[in-house]
Every structure is written in structure tokens, then in C-alpha cells.
Amino acid sequence: PVALGPVPAGTVFIPGTASTAPDLKVDYSIDGGRTYSEKPLITVTGKDGRQQTVPAPAERYTTIRWTWGTPLAAGTTATVSYQVQVR
């Protein structure tokens, strides 16, 4: 099973607030949910003019995805959560 949590417009995801569990993988998207990564990266131009890859700031996160490693039993419910801050 997979659960998605959009980061609403006008808010910023607060790092470290996405719920976790032993059998739960959390990934983040910075492109509206087209791709996900545990630690999204962006390319920026450094002061020396060179391109470098760095972790994306939380302000760039658009969607959070939780993936369970094993199926949930029929009738089971699961809850995930995360926090955002209004800009």
C-alpha cells in the first residue's frame, strides 16, 4: 500500500515530522509527485560558477509518499502524518 500527502500551496513541509515505522518507507517529491527520493537533490550554481548537486531544501517539497513493505491485512487501518508551516 501507498499513501500520499501533498504539501499545500502556501505552506512548507517541516523536516522530521513525517511519521515513520519499521515497515514504512518515506520518500519525498520536489516535482509534484512525478518522482520520489528519500533525499531529493537539486543542482545549483556555486559561487565559483560550477554546478553542484545539493539536498533540496524543505521549501521545495511538494508531496510525501509512504510505502508499506508488506500488505495491510483486510480491514486494517493505518495512519500517517506530517506537519507543515504556513509561509
Protein backbone atom coordinates (compact mmCIF):
# COMPACT_ATOMS: atom_id res chain seq x y z
CA PRO A 1 0.00 0.00 0.00
CA VAL A 2 0.99 3.58 -0.66
CA ALA A 3 -0.24 6.82 0.91
CA LEU A 4 0.43 10.29 -0.47
CA GLY A 5 0.42 13.60 1.36
CA PRO A 6 0.53 16.79 -0.69
CA VAL A 7 2.24 19.84 0.75
CA PRO A 8 -0.45 22.51 0.33
CA ALA A 9 0.32 25.72 -1.55
CA GLY A 10 1.42 28.47 0.80
CA THR A 11 2.98 26.02 3.27
CA VAL A 12 6.39 24.42 3.81
CA PHE A 13 6.99 20.86 4.99
CA ILE A 14 8.68 20.70 8.39
CA PRO A 15 11.57 18.20 8.12
CA GLY A 16 11.49 15.31 10.57
CA THR A 17 7.72 15.39 11.05
CA ALA A 18 6.67 12.66 8.58
CA SER A 19 5.53 9.65 10.57
CA THR A 20 7.72 6.57 10.37
CA ALA A 21 7.53 2.92 11.38
CA PRO A 22 9.79 -0.13 10.94
CA ASP A 23 7.93 -1.39 7.85
CA LEU A 24 7.23 2.05 6.38
CA LYS A 25 9.40 3.84 3.80
CA VAL A 26 9.07 7.62 3.43
CA ASP A 27 10.05 9.40 0.20
CA TYR A 28 9.67 12.98 -0.91
CA SER A 29 8.92 14.66 -4.23
CA ILE A 30 10.02 18.10 -5.37
CA ASP A 31 8.30 17.87 -8.77
CA GLY A 32 4.63 17.49 -7.94
CA GLY A 33 4.77 13.73 -7.45
CA ARG A 34 6.39 12.69 -10.73
CA THR A 35 9.49 11.32 -8.96
CA TYR A 36 10.31 10.47 -5.35
CA SER A 37 13.50 10.12 -3.35
CA GLU A 38 14.44 9.59 0.28
CA LYS A 39 16.61 12.71 -0.04
CA PRO A 40 15.72 14.78 -3.13
CA LEU A 41 18.62 16.59 -4.74
CA ILE A 42 18.82 19.74 -6.82
CA THR A 43 21.56 21.21 -8.98
CA VAL A 44 22.73 24.72 -8.12
CA THR A 45 25.47 27.00 -9.34
CA GLY A 46 28.11 27.63 -6.70
CA LYS A 47 29.89 30.93 -6.08
CA ASP A 48 32.71 29.64 -8.29
CA GLY A 49 30.27 29.19 -11.18
CA ARG A 50 30.37 25.39 -11.06
CA GLN A 51 27.28 23.23 -10.96
CA GLN A 52 26.88 21.14 -7.83
CA THR A 53 24.27 18.74 -6.50
CA VAL A 54 22.91 19.52 -3.04
CA PRO A 55 19.98 18.34 -0.91
CA ALA A 56 16.75 20.10 -1.83
CA PRO A 57 15.50 22.46 0.86
CA ALA A 58 12.20 21.58 2.52
CA GLU A 59 10.65 24.59 0.77
CA ARG A 60 10.87 22.59 -2.49
CA TYR A 61 8.98 19.51 -1.22
CA THR A 62 5.61 19.09 -2.93
CA THR A 63 4.47 15.61 -1.90
CA ILE A 64 5.28 12.98 0.72
CA ARG A 65 4.87 9.27 -0.05
CA TRP A 66 4.66 6.42 2.45
CA THR A 67 5.12 2.86 1.20
CA TRP A 68 4.47 -0.18 3.38
CA GLY A 69 6.85 -3.11 2.94
CA THR A 70 4.12 -5.68 3.49
CA PRO A 71 0.42 -5.59 2.62
CA LEU A 72 -2.01 -4.43 5.26
CA ALA A 73 -4.47 -7.07 6.43
CA ALA A 74 -8.04 -6.72 5.26
CA GLY A 75 -9.96 -4.31 7.45
CA THR A 76 -6.77 -2.80 8.87
CA THR A 77 -6.33 0.95 9.01
CA ALA A 78 -3.08 2.84 9.05
CA THR A 79 -2.43 6.48 9.83
CA VAL A 80 0.42 8.65 8.63
CA SER A 81 1.03 12.28 9.38
CA TYR A 82 3.30 15.22 8.72
CA GLN A 83 3.44 18.87 9.63
CA VAL A 84 3.66 21.98 7.51
CA GLN A 85 4.23 25.62 8.37
CA VAL A 86 2.25 28.44 6.78
CA ARG A 87 4.54 30.81 4.92
